[in-house]
Amino acid sequence: LTNEDELVVDLFSGSNKTGLAAERAGRRWVACDLILEYVRTQAELFSSFAGFWMNPALACVGRSVK
């Protein structure tokens, strides 16, 4: 439903299968979710992809510092 280089937006991304499909199809994409654990799971899924970026402040929210 999109052409290459178009933007795919998923506002309730959950496990982010939409982002994964968009990435594999050469689409730019943005994913959002309110549940922090979902976001962390998504980060693990995409952390090895070229261009991956996650705000460091978000990455450490709710984690204890030792």
PDB file of N, CA and C in Angstrom:
ATOM      1  N   LEU A   1       0.802  -1.203   0.000  1.00  0.00           N
ATOM      2  CA  LEU A   1       0.000   0.000   0.000  1.00  0.00           C
ATOM      3  C   LEU A   1       0.840   1.260   0.000  1.00  0.00           C
ATOM      4  N   THR A   2       2.150   1.121   0.075  1.00  0.00           N
ATOM      5  CA  THR A   2       3.034   2.281   0.011  1.00  0.00           C
ATOM      6  C   THR A   2       4.083   2.051  -1.061  1.00  0.00           C
ATOM      7  N   ASN A   3       4.636   3.142  -1.512  1.00  0.00           N
ATOM      8  CA  ASN A   3       5.739   3.068  -2.461  1.00  0.00           C
ATOM      9  C   ASN A   3       7.056   3.179  -1.714  1.00  0.00           C
ATOM     10  N   GLU A   4       8.117   2.687  -2.328  1.00  0.00           N
ATOM     11  CA  GLU A   4       9.428   2.763  -1.705  1.00  0.00           C
ATOM     12  C   GLU A   4       9.753   4.210  -1.354  1.00  0.00           C
ATOM     13  N   ASP A   5      10.389   4.411  -0.218  1.00  0.00           N
ATOM     14  CA  ASP A   5      10.757   5.721   0.333  1.00  0.00           C
ATOM     15  C   ASP A   5       9.583   6.495   0.921  1.00  0.00           C
ATOM     16  N   GLU A   6       8.386   5.946   0.919  1.00  0.00           N
ATOM     17  CA  GLU A   6       7.282   6.589   1.629  1.00  0.00           C
ATOM     18  C   GLU A   6       7.363   6.225   3.103  1.00  0.00           C
ATOM     19  N   LEU A   7       6.675   6.994   3.924  1.00  0.00           N
ATOM     20  CA  LEU A   7       6.731   6.824   5.368  1.00  0.00           C
ATOM     21  C   LEU A   7       5.558   5.982   5.862  1.00  0.00           C
ATOM     22  N   VAL A   8       5.859   4.960   6.658  1.00  0.00           N
ATOM     23  CA  VAL A   8       4.855   4.125   7.313  1.00  0.00           C
ATOM     24  C   VAL A   8       4.823   4.534   8.783  1.00  0.00           C
ATOM     25  N   VAL A   9       3.634   4.832   9.315  1.00  0.00           N
ATOM     26  CA  VAL A   9       3.487   5.252  10.708  1.00  0.00           C
ATOM     27  C   VAL A   9       2.591   4.257  11.432  1.00  0.00           C
ATOM     28  N   ASP A  10       3.069   3.745  12.560  1.00  0.00           N
ATOM     29  CA  ASP A  10       2.296   2.818  13.388  1.00  0.00           C
ATOM     30  C   ASP A  10       2.229   3.409  14.793  1.00  0.00           C
ATOM     31  N   LEU A  11       1.073   3.943  15.156  1.00  0.00           N
ATOM     32  CA  LEU A  11       0.923   4.652  16.427  1.00  0.00           C
ATOM     33  C   LEU A  11       0.703   3.739  17.623  1.00  0.00           C
ATOM     34  N   PHE A  12       0.330   2.504  17.389  1.00  0.00           N
ATOM     35  CA  PHE A  12       0.122   1.517  18.460  1.00  0.00           C
ATOM     36  C   PHE A  12       0.886   0.259  18.065  1.00  0.00           C
ATOM     37  N   SER A  13       2.204   0.320  18.132  1.00  0.00           N
ATOM     38  CA  SER A  13       3.042  -0.663  17.448  1.00  0.00           C
ATOM     39  C   SER A  13       3.180  -2.028  18.113  1.00  0.00           C
ATOM     40  N   GLY A  14       2.914  -2.130  19.411  1.00  0.00           N
ATOM     41  CA  GLY A  14       2.983  -3.439  20.065  1.00  0.00           C
ATOM     42  C   GLY A  14       4.295  -4.148  19.813  1.00  0.00           C
ATOM     43  N   SER A  15       4.266  -5.272  19.130  1.00  0.00           N
ATOM     44  CA  SER A  15       5.496  -6.023  18.832  1.00  0.00           C
ATOM     45  C   SER A  15       6.225  -5.468  17.605  1.00  0.00           C
ATOM     46  N   ASN A  16       5.639  -4.519  16.944  1.00  0.00           N
ATOM     47  CA  ASN A  16       6.212  -3.789  15.804  1.00  0.00           C
ATOM     48  C   ASN A  16       6.480  -4.638  14.572  1.00  0.00           C
ATOM     49  N   LYS A  17       5.570  -5.504  14.266  1.00  0.00           N
ATOM     50  CA  LYS A  17       5.689  -6.290  13.037  1.00  0.00           C
ATOM     51  C   LYS A  17       5.528  -5.394  11.813  1.00  0.00           C
ATOM     52  N   THR A  18       4.759  -4.308  11.946  1.00  0.00           N
ATOM     53  CA  THR A  18       4.599  -3.360  10.844  1.00  0.00           C
ATOM     54  C   THR A  18       5.933  -2.699  10.515  1.00  0.00           C
ATOM     55  N   GLY A  19       6.662  -2.280  11.553  1.00  0.00           N
ATOM     56  CA  GLY A  19       7.980  -1.678  11.338  1.00  0.00           C
ATOM     57  C   GLY A  19       8.948  -2.647  10.688  1.00  0.00           C
ATOM     58  N   LEU A  20       8.901  -3.884  11.113  1.00  0.00           N
ATOM     59  CA  LEU A  20       9.772  -4.912  10.543  1.00  0.00           C
ATOM     60  C   LEU A  20       9.456  -5.128   9.061  1.00  0.00           C
ATOM     61  N   ALA A  21       8.178  -5.209   8.734  1.00  0.00           N
ATOM     62  CA  ALA A  21       7.777  -5.378   7.333  1.00  0.00           C
ATOM     63  C   ALA A  21       8.172  -4.156   6.505  1.00  0.00           C
ATOM     64  N   ALA A  22       7.986  -2.974   7.068  1.00  0.00           N
ATOM     65  CA  ALA A  22       8.362  -1.744   6.368  1.00  0.00           C
ATOM     66  C   ALA A  22       9.868  -1.704   6.122  1.00  0.00           C
ATOM     67  N   GLU A  23      10.641  -2.076   7.120  1.00  0.00           N
ATOM     68  CA  GLU A  23      12.111  -2.104   6.995  1.00  0.00           C
ATOM     69  C   GLU A  23      12.527  -3.051   5.878  1.00  0.00           C
ATOM     70  N   ARG A  24      11.957  -4.220   5.851  1.00  0.00           N
ATOM     71  CA  ARG A  24      12.305  -5.223   4.830  1.00  0.00           C
ATOM     72  C   ARG A  24      11.868  -4.803   3.434  1.00  0.00           C
ATOM     73  N   ALA A  25      10.818  -3.960   3.358  1.00  0.00           N
ATOM     74  CA  ALA A  25      10.304  -3.504   2.066  1.00  0.00           C
ATOM     75  C   ALA A  25      10.941  -2.187   1.612  1.00  0.00           C
ATOM     76  N   GLY A  26      11.912  -1.685   2.381  1.00  0.00           N
ATOM     77  CA  GLY A  26      12.609  -0.464   1.987  1.00  0.00           C
ATOM     78  C   GLY A  26      11.848   0.815   2.265  1.00  0.00           C
ATOM     79  N   ARG A  27      10.907   0.749   3.191  1.00  0.00           N
ATOM     80  CA  ARG A  27      10.134   1.942   3.549  1.00  0.00           C
ATOM     81  C   ARG A  27      10.745   2.603   4.774  1.00  0.00           C
ATOM     82  N   ARG A  28      10.600   3.925   4.858  1.00  0.00           N
ATOM     83  CA  ARG A  28      10.933   4.626   6.094  1.00  0.00           C
ATOM     84  C   ARG A  28       9.758   4.413   7.030  1.00  0.00           C
ATOM     85  N   TRP A  29      10.015   4.359   8.336  1.00  0.00           N
ATOM     86  CA  TRP A  29       8.914   4.087   9.252  1.00  0.00           C
ATOM     87  C   TRP A  29       9.164   4.699  10.621  1.00  0.00           C
ATOM     88  N   VAL A  30       8.058   4.951  11.320  1.00  0.00           N
ATOM     89  CA  VAL A  30       8.072   5.457  12.687  1.00  0.00           C
ATOM     90  C   VAL A  30       7.085   4.620  13.476  1.00  0.00           C
ATOM     91  N   ALA A  31       7.496   4.172  14.661  1.00  0.00           N
ATOM     92  CA  ALA A  31       6.619   3.375  15.523  1.00  0.00           C
ATOM     93  C   ALA A  31       6.536   4.023  16.898  1.00  0.00           C
ATOM     94  N   CYS A  32       5.351   4.000  17.481  1.00  0.00           N
ATOM     95  CA  CYS A  32       5.131   4.565  18.818  1.00  0.00           C
ATOM     96  C   CYS A  32       4.321   3.579  19.646  1.00  0.00           C
ATOM     97  N   ASP A  33       4.571   3.591  20.939  1.00  0.00           N
ATOM     98  CA  ASP A  33       3.734   2.821  21.854  1.00  0.00           C
ATOM     99  C   ASP A  33       3.832   3.445  23.237  1.00  0.00           C
ATOM    100  N   LEU A  34       2.766   3.380  23.993  1.00  0.00           N
ATOM    101  CA  LEU A  34       2.737   3.937  25.343  1.00  0.00           C
ATOM    102  C   LEU A  34       3.320   2.995  26.384  1.00  0.00           C
ATOM    103  N   ILE A  35       3.397   1.712  26.060  1.00  0.00           N
ATOM    104  CA  ILE A  35       3.860   0.715  27.026  1.00  0.00           C
ATOM    105  C   ILE A  35       5.369   0.541  26.873  1.00  0.00           C
ATOM    106  N   LEU A  36       6.094   0.978  27.897  1.00  0.00           N
ATOM    107  CA  LEU A  36       7.550   1.011  27.846  1.00  0.00           C
ATOM    108  C   LEU A  36       8.171  -0.354  27.554  1.00  0.00           C
ATOM    109  N   GLU A  37       7.625  -1.410  28.109  1.00  0.00           N
ATOM    110  CA  GLU A  37       8.187  -2.743  27.851  1.00  0.00           C
ATOM    111  C   GLU A  37       8.058  -3.131  26.382  1.00  0.00           C
ATOM    112  N   TYR A  38       6.985  -2.703  25.716  1.00  0.00           N
ATOM    113  CA  TYR A  38       6.862  -2.966  24.282  1.00  0.00           C
ATOM    114  C   TYR A  38       7.970  -2.231  23.528  1.00  0.00           C
ATOM    115  N   VAL A  39       8.226  -0.990  23.920  1.00  0.00           N
ATOM    116  CA  VAL A  39       9.266  -0.199  23.258  1.00  0.00           C
ATOM    117  C   VAL A  39      10.631  -0.862  23.442  1.00  0.00           C
ATOM    118  N   ARG A  40      10.901  -1.342  24.631  1.00  0.00           N
ATOM    119  CA  ARG A  40      12.181  -2.012  24.876  1.00  0.00           C
ATOM    120  C   ARG A  40      12.313  -3.294  24.052  1.00  0.00           C
ATOM    121  N   THR A  41      11.233  -4.053  23.949  1.00  0.00           N
ATOM    122  CA  THR A  41      11.252  -5.272  23.138  1.00  0.00           C
ATOM    123  C   THR A  41      11.517  -4.925  21.677  1.00  0.00           C
ATOM    124  N   GLN A  42      10.892  -3.858  21.194  1.00  0.00           N
ATOM    125  CA  GLN A  42      11.125  -3.405  19.826  1.00  0.00           C
ATOM    126  C   GLN A  42      12.577  -2.996  19.629  1.00  0.00           C
ATOM    127  N   ALA A  43      13.141  -2.316  20.613  1.00  0.00           N
ATOM    128  CA  ALA A  43      14.536  -1.882  20.521  1.00  0.00           C
ATOM    129  C   ALA A  43      15.466  -3.083  20.376  1.00  0.00           C
ATOM    130  N   GLU A  44      15.196  -4.135  21.121  1.00  0.00           N
ATOM    131  CA  GLU A  44      16.007  -5.349  21.007  1.00  0.00           C
ATOM    132  C   GLU A  44      15.896  -5.945  19.608  1.00  0.00           C
ATOM    133  N   LEU A  45      14.697  -5.904  19.037  1.00  0.00           N
ATOM    134  CA  LEU A  45      14.462  -6.451  17.700  1.00  0.00           C
ATOM    135  C   LEU A  45      15.260  -5.695  16.637  1.00  0.00           C
ATOM    136  N   PHE A  46      15.357  -4.377  16.779  1.00  0.00           N
ATOM    137  CA  PHE A  46      15.958  -3.544  15.741  1.00  0.00           C
ATOM    138  C   PHE A  46      17.367  -3.051  16.056  1.00  0.00           C
ATOM    139  N   SER A  47      17.904  -3.361  17.207  1.00  0.00           N
ATOM    140  CA  SER A  47      19.196  -2.794  17.614  1.00  0.00           C
ATOM    141  C   SER A  47      20.352  -3.155  16.682  1.00  0.00           C
ATOM    142  N   SER A  48      20.255  -4.244  15.968  1.00  0.00           N
ATOM    143  CA  SER A  48      21.332  -4.639  15.052  1.00  0.00           C
ATOM    144  C   SER A  48      21.163  -4.056  13.646  1.00  0.00           C
ATOM    145  N   PHE A  49      20.060  -3.363  13.394  1.00  0.00           N
ATOM    146  CA  PHE A  49      19.806  -2.791  12.076  1.00  0.00           C
ATOM    147  C   PHE A  49      20.619  -1.510  11.895  1.00  0.00           C
ATOM    148  N   ALA A  50      21.109  -1.285  10.681  1.00  0.00           N
ATOM    149  CA  ALA A  50      21.817  -0.042  10.370  1.00  0.00           C
ATOM    150  C   ALA A  50      20.882   1.140  10.596  1.00  0.00           C
ATOM    151  N   GLY A  51      21.395   2.181  11.213  1.00  0.00           N
ATOM    152  CA  GLY A  51      20.604   3.380  11.441  1.00  0.00           C
ATOM    153  C   GLY A  51      19.734   3.352  12.677  1.00  0.00           C
ATOM    154  N   PHE A  52      19.782   2.267  13.442  1.00  0.00           N
ATOM    155  CA  PHE A  52      18.966   2.188  14.660  1.00  0.00           C
ATOM    156  C   PHE A  52      19.382   3.283  15.630  1.00  0.00           C
ATOM    157  N   TRP A  53      18.390   3.942  16.227  1.00  0.00           N
ATOM    158  CA  TRP A  53      18.652   4.953  17.242  1.00  0.00           C
ATOM    159  C   TRP A  53      17.510   4.938  18.238  1.00  0.00           C
ATOM    160  N   MET A  54      17.847   5.029  19.502  1.00  0.00           N
ATOM    161  CA  MET A  54      16.853   5.151  20.569  1.00  0.00           C
ATOM    162  C   MET A  54      17.366   6.194  21.541  1.00  0.00           C
ATOM    163  N   ASN A  55      16.515   7.105  21.935  1.00  0.00           N
ATOM    164  CA  ASN A  55      16.889   8.146  22.876  1.00  0.00           C
ATOM    165  C   ASN A  55      17.450   7.502  24.140  1.00  0.00           C
ATOM    166  N   PRO A  56      18.681   7.816  24.522  1.00  0.00           N
ATOM    167  CA  PRO A  56      19.283   7.212  25.711  1.00  0.00           C
ATOM    168  C   PRO A  56      18.478   7.465  26.985  1.00  0.00           C
ATOM    169  N   ALA A  57      17.828   8.606  27.075  1.00  0.00           N
ATOM    170  CA  ALA A  57      17.007   8.897  28.252  1.00  0.00           C
ATOM    171  C   ALA A  57      15.839   7.922  28.345  1.00  0.00           C
ATOM    172  N   LEU A  58      15.259   7.564  27.216  1.00  0.00           N
ATOM    173  CA  LEU A  58      14.157   6.601  27.202  1.00  0.00           C
ATOM    174  C   LEU A  58      14.663   5.199  27.521  1.00  0.00           C
ATOM    175  N   ALA A  59      15.823   4.874  27.027  1.00  0.00           N
ATOM    176  CA  ALA A  59      16.379   3.535  27.240  1.00  0.00           C
ATOM    177  C   ALA A  59      16.590   3.211  28.713  1.00  0.00           C
ATOM    178  N   CYS A  60      16.838   4.224  29.540  1.00  0.00           N
ATOM    179  CA  CYS A  60      17.122   3.945  30.949  1.00  0.00           C
ATOM    180  C   CYS A  60      15.941   4.230  31.882  1.00  0.00           C
ATOM    181  N   VAL A  61      14.808   4.671  31.369  1.00  0.00           N
ATOM    182  CA  VAL A  61      13.643   4.948  32.213  1.00  0.00           C
ATOM    183  C   VAL A  61      13.193   3.673  32.914  1.00  0.00           C
ATOM    184  N   GLY A  62      13.004   3.759  34.215  1.00  0.00           N
ATOM    185  CA  GLY A  62      12.500   2.631  34.984  1.00  0.00           C
ATOM    186  C   GLY A  62      13.526   1.578  35.329  1.00  0.00           C
ATOM    187  N   ARG A  63      14.745   1.757  34.902  1.00  0.00           N
ATOM    188  CA  ARG A  63      15.809   0.800  35.206  1.00  0.00           C
ATOM    189  C   ARG A  63      16.591   1.309  36.405  1.00  0.00           C
ATOM    190  N   SER A  64      16.934   0.413  37.290  1.00  0.00           N
ATOM    191  CA  SER A  64      17.714   0.823  38.461  1.00  0.00           C
ATOM    192  C   SER A  64      19.162   1.065  38.063  1.00  0.00           C
ATOM    193  N   VAL A  65      19.750   2.053  38.672  1.00  0.00           N
ATOM    194  CA  VAL A  65      21.148   2.385  38.408  1.00  0.00           C
ATOM    195  C   VAL A  65      21.987   1.826  39.541  1.00  0.00           C
ATOM    196  N   LYS A  66      23.024   1.070  39.213  1.00  0.00           N
ATOM    197  CA  LYS A  66      23.872   0.455  40.246  1.00  0.00           C
ATOM    198  C   LYS A  66      25.230   1.100  40.274  1.00  0.00           C
TER     199      LYS A  66
END
